[in-house]
ModelCIF file with pLDDT and N, C-alpha, C, O atoms, coordinates in Angstrom:
data_MODEL
#
_entry.id   MODEL 
#
_entity.id                         1 
_entity.type                       polymer 
_entity.pdbx_number_of_molecules   1 
#
_entity_poly.entity_id                      1 
_entity_poly.type                           'polypeptide(L)' 
_entity_poly.nstd_linkage                   no 
_entity_poly.nstd_monomer                   no 
_entity_poly.pdbx_seq_one_letter_code       QTAVVFTPFKEYHRAAILERRGGR 
_entity_poly.pdbx_seq_one_letter_code_can   QTAVVFTPFKEYHRAAILERRGGR 
_entity_poly.pdbx_strand_id                 A 
#
loop_
_entity_poly_seq.entity_id 
_entity_poly_seq.num 
_entity_poly_seq.mon_id 
_entity_poly_seq.hetero 
1 1  GLN n 
1 2  THR n 
1 3  ALA n 
1 4  VAL n 
1 5  VAL n 
1 6  PHE n 
1 7  THR n 
1 8  PRO n 
1 9  PHE n 
1 10 LYS n 
1 11 GLU n 
1 12 TYR n 
1 13 HIS n 
1 14 ARG n 
1 15 ALA n 
1 16 ALA n 
1 17 ILE n 
1 18 LEU n 
1 19 GLU n 
1 20 ARG n 
1 21 ARG n 
1 22 GLY n 
1 23 GLY n 
1 24 ARG n 
#
_struct_asym.id          A 
_struct_asym.entity_id   1 
#
loop_
_ma_qa_metric.id 
_ma_qa_metric.mode 
_ma_qa_metric.name 
_ma_qa_metric.software_group_id 
_ma_qa_metric.type 
1 global pLDDT . pLDDT 
2 local  pLDDT . pLDDT 
#
_ma_qa_metric_global.metric_id      1 
_ma_qa_metric_global.metric_value   89.12 
_ma_qa_metric_global.model_id       1 
_ma_qa_metric_global.ordinal_id     1 
#
loop_
_ma_qa_metric_local.label_asym_id 
_ma_qa_metric_local.label_comp_id 
_ma_qa_metric_local.label_seq_id 
_ma_qa_metric_local.metric_id 
_ma_qa_metric_local.metric_value 
_ma_qa_metric_local.model_id 
_ma_qa_metric_local.ordinal_id 
A GLN 1  2 91.00 1 1  
A THR 2  2 93.00 1 2  
A ALA 3  2 95.00 1 3  
A VAL 4  2 97.00 1 4  
A VAL 5  2 97.00 1 5  
A PHE 6  2 98.00 1 6  
A THR 7  2 97.00 1 7  
A PRO 8  2 95.00 1 8  
A PHE 9  2 95.00 1 9  
A LYS 10 2 94.00 1 10 
A GLU 11 2 96.00 1 11 
A TYR 12 2 97.00 1 12 
A HIS 13 2 98.00 1 13 
A ARG 14 2 98.00 1 14 
A ALA 15 2 98.00 1 15 
A ALA 16 2 98.00 1 16 
A ILE 17 2 97.00 1 17 
A LEU 18 2 93.00 1 18 
A GLU 19 2 81.00 1 19 
A ARG 20 2 71.00 1 20 
A ARG 21 2 66.00 1 21 
A GLY 22 2 60.00 1 22 
A GLY 23 2 63.00 1 23 
A ARG 24 2 71.00 1 24 
#
loop_
_atom_site.group_PDB 
_atom_site.id 
_atom_site.type_symbol 
_atom_site.label_atom_id 
_atom_site.label_alt_id 
_atom_site.label_comp_id 
_atom_site.label_asym_id 
_atom_site.label_entity_id 
_atom_site.label_seq_id 
_atom_site.pdbx_PDB_ins_code 
_atom_site.Cartn_x 
_atom_site.Cartn_y 
_atom_site.Cartn_z 
_atom_site.occupancy 
_atom_site.B_iso_or_equiv 
_atom_site.pdbx_formal_charge 
_atom_site.auth_seq_id 
_atom_site.auth_comp_id 
_atom_site.auth_asym_id 
_atom_site.auth_atom_id 
_atom_site.pdbx_PDB_model_num 
ATOM 1  N N  . GLN A 1 1  ? 110.851 195.892 29.449 1.00 91.00 ? 1  GLN A N  1 
ATOM 2  C CA . GLN A 1 1  ? 110.488 195.191 28.205 1.00 91.00 ? 1  GLN A CA 1 
ATOM 3  C C  . GLN A 1 1  ? 109.473 194.111 28.487 1.00 91.00 ? 1  GLN A C  1 
ATOM 4  O O  . GLN A 1 1  ? 109.641 193.319 29.415 1.00 91.00 ? 1  GLN A O  1 
ATOM 5  N N  . THR A 1 2  ? 108.432 194.074 27.703 1.00 93.00 ? 2  THR A N  1 
ATOM 6  C CA . THR A 1 2  ? 107.425 193.072 27.850 1.00 93.00 ? 2  THR A CA 1 
ATOM 7  C C  . THR A 1 2  ? 107.969 191.685 27.441 1.00 93.00 ? 2  THR A C  1 
ATOM 8  O O  . THR A 1 2  ? 108.620 191.546 26.406 1.00 93.00 ? 2  THR A O  1 
ATOM 9  N N  . ALA A 1 3  ? 107.689 190.671 28.269 1.00 95.00 ? 3  ALA A N  1 
ATOM 10 C CA . ALA A 1 3  ? 108.133 189.324 27.990 1.00 95.00 ? 3  ALA A CA 1 
ATOM 11 C C  . ALA A 1 3  ? 107.011 188.350 27.793 1.00 95.00 ? 3  ALA A C  1 
ATOM 12 O O  . ALA A 1 3  ? 107.048 187.528 26.878 1.00 95.00 ? 3  ALA A O  1 
ATOM 13 N N  . VAL A 1 4  ? 105.990 188.432 28.660 1.00 97.00 ? 4  VAL A N  1 
ATOM 14 C CA . VAL A 1 4  ? 104.824 187.525 28.590 1.00 97.00 ? 4  VAL A CA 1 
ATOM 15 C C  . VAL A 1 4  ? 103.572 188.340 28.883 1.00 97.00 ? 4  VAL A C  1 
ATOM 16 O O  . VAL A 1 4  ? 103.556 189.145 29.813 1.00 97.00 ? 4  VAL A O  1 
ATOM 17 N N  . VAL A 1 5  ? 102.526 188.134 28.094 1.00 97.00 ? 5  VAL A N  1 
ATOM 18 C CA . VAL A 1 5  ? 101.257 188.817 28.307 1.00 97.00 ? 5  VAL A CA 1 
ATOM 19 C C  . VAL A 1 5  ? 100.130 187.759 28.354 1.00 97.00 ? 5  VAL A C  1 
ATOM 20 O O  . VAL A 1 5  ? 99.904  187.020 27.397 1.00 97.00 ? 5  VAL A O  1 
ATOM 21 N N  . PHE A 1 6  ? 99.454  187.722 29.478 1.00 98.00 ? 6  PHE A N  1 
ATOM 22 C CA . PHE A 1 6  ? 98.270  186.812 29.664 1.00 98.00 ? 6  PHE A CA 1 
ATOM 23 C C  . PHE A 1 6  ? 96.979  187.613 29.467 1.00 98.00 ? 6  PHE A C  1 
ATOM 24 O O  . PHE A 1 6  ? 96.819  188.718 29.985 1.00 98.00 ? 6  PHE A O  1 
ATOM 25 N N  . THR A 1 7  ? 96.067  187.013 28.696 1.00 97.00 ? 7  THR A N  1 
ATOM 26 C CA . THR A 1 7  ? 94.763  187.664 28.536 1.00 97.00 ? 7  THR A CA 1 
ATOM 27 C C  . THR A 1 7  ? 93.674  186.634 28.696 1.00 97.00 ? 7  THR A C  1 
ATOM 28 O O  . THR A 1 7  ? 93.628  185.681 27.919 1.00 97.00 ? 7  THR A O  1 
ATOM 29 N N  . PRO A 1 8  ? 92.776  186.785 29.689 1.00 95.00 ? 8  PRO A N  1 
ATOM 30 C CA . PRO A 1 8  ? 91.663  185.847 29.801 1.00 95.00 ? 8  PRO A CA 1 
ATOM 31 C C  . PRO A 1 8  ? 90.461  186.325 28.968 1.00 95.00 ? 8  PRO A C  1 
ATOM 32 O O  . PRO A 1 8  ? 89.979  187.447 29.128 1.00 95.00 ? 8  PRO A O  1 
ATOM 33 N N  . PHE A 1 9  ? 90.006  185.459 28.097 1.00 95.00 ? 9  PHE A N  1 
ATOM 34 C CA . PHE A 1 9  ? 88.789  185.702 27.312 1.00 95.00 ? 9  PHE A CA 1 
ATOM 35 C C  . PHE A 1 9  ? 87.666  184.831 27.804 1.00 95.00 ? 9  PHE A C  1 
ATOM 36 O O  . PHE A 1 9  ? 87.886  183.942 28.627 1.00 95.00 ? 9  PHE A O  1 
ATOM 37 N N  . LYS A 1 10 ? 86.454  185.067 27.314 1.00 94.00 ? 10 LYS A N  1 
ATOM 38 C CA . LYS A 1 10 ? 85.335  184.263 27.730 1.00 94.00 ? 10 LYS A CA 1 
ATOM 39 C C  . LYS A 1 10 ? 85.487  182.802 27.289 1.00 94.00 ? 10 LYS A C  1 
ATOM 40 O O  . LYS A 1 10 ? 85.079  181.894 28.012 1.00 94.00 ? 10 LYS A O  1 
ATOM 41 N N  . GLU A 1 11 ? 86.062  182.577 26.129 1.00 96.00 ? 11 GLU A N  1 
ATOM 42 C CA . GLU A 1 11 ? 86.181  181.193 25.574 1.00 96.00 ? 11 GLU A CA 1 
ATOM 43 C C  . GLU A 1 11 ? 87.508  180.542 25.926 1.00 96.00 ? 11 GLU A C  1 
ATOM 44 O O  . GLU A 1 11 ? 87.604  179.316 25.889 1.00 96.00 ? 11 GLU A O  1 
ATOM 45 N N  . TYR A 1 12 ? 88.540  181.318 26.269 1.00 97.00 ? 12 TYR A N  1 
ATOM 46 C CA . TYR A 1 12 ? 89.855  180.728 26.492 1.00 97.00 ? 12 TYR A CA 1 
ATOM 47 C C  . TYR A 1 12 ? 90.800  181.678 27.202 1.00 97.00 ? 12 TYR A C  1 
ATOM 48 O O  . TYR A 1 12 ? 90.519  182.871 27.322 1.00 97.00 ? 12 TYR A O  1 
ATOM 49 N N  . HIS A 1 13 ? 91.912  181.154 27.668 1.00 98.00 ? 13 HIS A N  1 
ATOM 50 C CA . HIS A 1 13 ? 93.040  181.957 28.174 1.00 98.00 ? 13 HIS A CA 1 
ATOM 51 C C  . HIS A 1 13 ? 94.134  181.998 27.095 1.00 98.00 ? 13 HIS A C  1 
ATOM 52 O O  . HIS A 1 13 ? 94.397  181.014 26.404 1.00 98.00 ? 13 HIS A O  1 
ATOM 53 N N  . ARG A 1 14 ? 94.749  183.163 26.984 1.00 98.00 ? 14 ARG A N  1 
ATOM 54 C CA . ARG A 1 14 ? 95.804  183.294 25.925 1.00 98.00 ? 14 ARG A CA 1 
ATOM 55 C C  . ARG A 1 14 ? 97.045  183.917 26.548 1.00 98.00 ? 14 ARG A C  1 
ATOM 56 O O  . ARG A 1 14 ? 96.971  184.788 27.415 1.00 98.00 ? 14 ARG A O  1 
ATOM 57 N N  . ALA A 1 15 ? 98.192  183.432 26.066 1.00 98.00 ? 15 ALA A N  1 
ATOM 58 C CA . ALA A 1 15 ? 99.469  183.984 26.442 1.00 98.00 ? 15 ALA A CA 1 
ATOM 59 C C  . ALA A 1 15 ? 100.330 184.273 25.234 1.00 98.00 ? 15 ALA A C  1 
ATOM 60 O O  . ALA A 1 15 ? 100.521 183.405 24.383 1.00 98.00 ? 15 ALA A O  1 
ATOM 61 N N  . ALA A 1 16 ? 100.844 185.468 25.150 1.00 98.00 ? 16 ALA A N  1 
ATOM 62 C CA . ALA A 1 16 ? 101.808 185.882 24.080 1.00 98.00 ? 16 ALA A CA 1 
ATOM 63 C C  . ALA A 1 16 ? 103.188 185.884 24.741 1.00 98.00 ? 16 ALA A C  1 
ATOM 64 O O  . ALA A 1 16 ? 103.399 186.564 25.746 1.00 98.00 ? 16 ALA A O  1 
ATOM 65 N N  . ILE A 1 17 ? 104.119 185.125 24.177 1.00 97.00 ? 17 ILE A N  1 
ATOM 66 C CA . ILE A 1 17 ? 105.398 184.915 24.808 1.00 97.00 ? 17 ILE A CA 1 
ATOM 67 C C  . ILE A 1 17 ? 106.518 185.355 23.875 1.00 97.00 ? 17 ILE A C  1 
ATOM 68 O O  . ILE A 1 17 ? 106.608 184.913 22.730 1.00 97.00 ? 17 ILE A O  1 
ATOM 69 N N  . LEU A 1 18 ? 107.370 186.240 24.395 1.00 93.00 ? 18 LEU A N  1 
ATOM 70 C CA . LEU A 1 18 ? 108.480 186.785 23.601 1.00 93.00 ? 18 LEU A CA 1 
ATOM 71 C C  . LEU A 1 18 ? 109.690 185.967 23.975 1.00 93.00 ? 18 LEU A C  1 
ATOM 72 O O  . LEU A 1 18 ? 109.995 185.797 25.155 1.00 93.00 ? 18 LEU A O  1 
ATOM 73 N N  . GLU A 1 19 ? 110.399 185.445 22.945 1.00 81.00 ? 19 GLU A N  1 
ATOM 74 C CA . GLU A 1 19 ? 111.621 184.656 23.155 1.00 81.00 ? 19 GLU A CA 1 
ATOM 75 C C  . GLU A 1 19 ? 112.855 185.442 22.732 1.00 81.00 ? 19 GLU A C  1 
ATOM 76 O O  . GLU A 1 19 ? 112.808 186.206 21.768 1.00 81.00 ? 19 GLU A O  1 
ATOM 77 N N  . ARG A 1 20 ? 113.935 185.259 23.435 1.00 71.00 ? 20 ARG A N  1 
ATOM 78 C CA . ARG A 1 20 ? 115.241 185.779 23.016 1.00 71.00 ? 20 ARG A CA 1 
ATOM 79 C C  . ARG A 1 20 ? 116.221 184.675 22.935 1.00 71.00 ? 20 ARG A C  1 
ATOM 80 O O  . ARG A 1 20 ? 116.546 184.077 23.960 1.00 71.00 ? 20 ARG A O  1 
ATOM 81 N N  . ARG A 1 21 ? 116.744 184.348 21.710 1.00 66.00 ? 21 ARG A N  1 
ATOM 82 C CA . ARG A 1 21 ? 117.648 183.268 21.544 1.00 66.00 ? 21 ARG A CA 1 
ATOM 83 C C  . ARG A 1 21 ? 118.832 183.752 20.686 1.00 66.00 ? 21 ARG A C  1 
ATOM 84 O O  . ARG A 1 21 ? 118.665 184.209 19.556 1.00 66.00 ? 21 ARG A O  1 
ATOM 85 N N  . GLY A 1 22 ? 120.000 183.634 21.260 1.00 60.00 ? 22 GLY A N  1 
ATOM 86 C CA . GLY A 1 22 ? 121.215 183.937 20.509 1.00 60.00 ? 22 GLY A CA 1 
ATOM 87 C C  . GLY A 1 22 ? 121.202 185.353 19.933 1.00 60.00 ? 22 GLY A C  1 
ATOM 88 O O  . GLY A 1 22 ? 121.658 185.574 18.812 1.00 60.00 ? 22 GLY A O  1 
ATOM 89 N N  . GLY A 1 23 ? 120.672 186.321 20.711 1.00 63.00 ? 23 GLY A N  1 
ATOM 90 C CA . GLY A 1 23 ? 120.611 187.672 20.214 1.00 63.00 ? 23 GLY A CA 1 
ATOM 91 C C  . GLY A 1 23 ? 119.430 188.003 19.317 1.00 63.00 ? 23 GLY A C  1 
ATOM 92 O O  . GLY A 1 23 ? 119.216 189.156 18.944 1.00 63.00 ? 23 GLY A O  1 
ATOM 93 N N  . ARG A 1 24 ? 118.675 186.981 18.980 1.00 71.00 ? 24 ARG A N  1 
ATOM 94 C CA . ARG A 1 24 ? 117.487 187.223 18.153 1.00 71.00 ? 24 ARG A CA 1 
ATOM 95 C C  . ARG A 1 24 ? 116.220 187.117 18.985 1.00 71.00 ? 24 ARG A C  1 
ATOM 96 O O  . ARG A 1 24 ? 115.120 187.290 18.459 1.00 71.00 ? 24 ARG A O  1 
#
């Protein structure tokens, strides 16, 4: 399962972060 995705762009670095809290 994907949890964190880092993507480097020309203008910035980006991270998409998936959280799991209390079953949600």
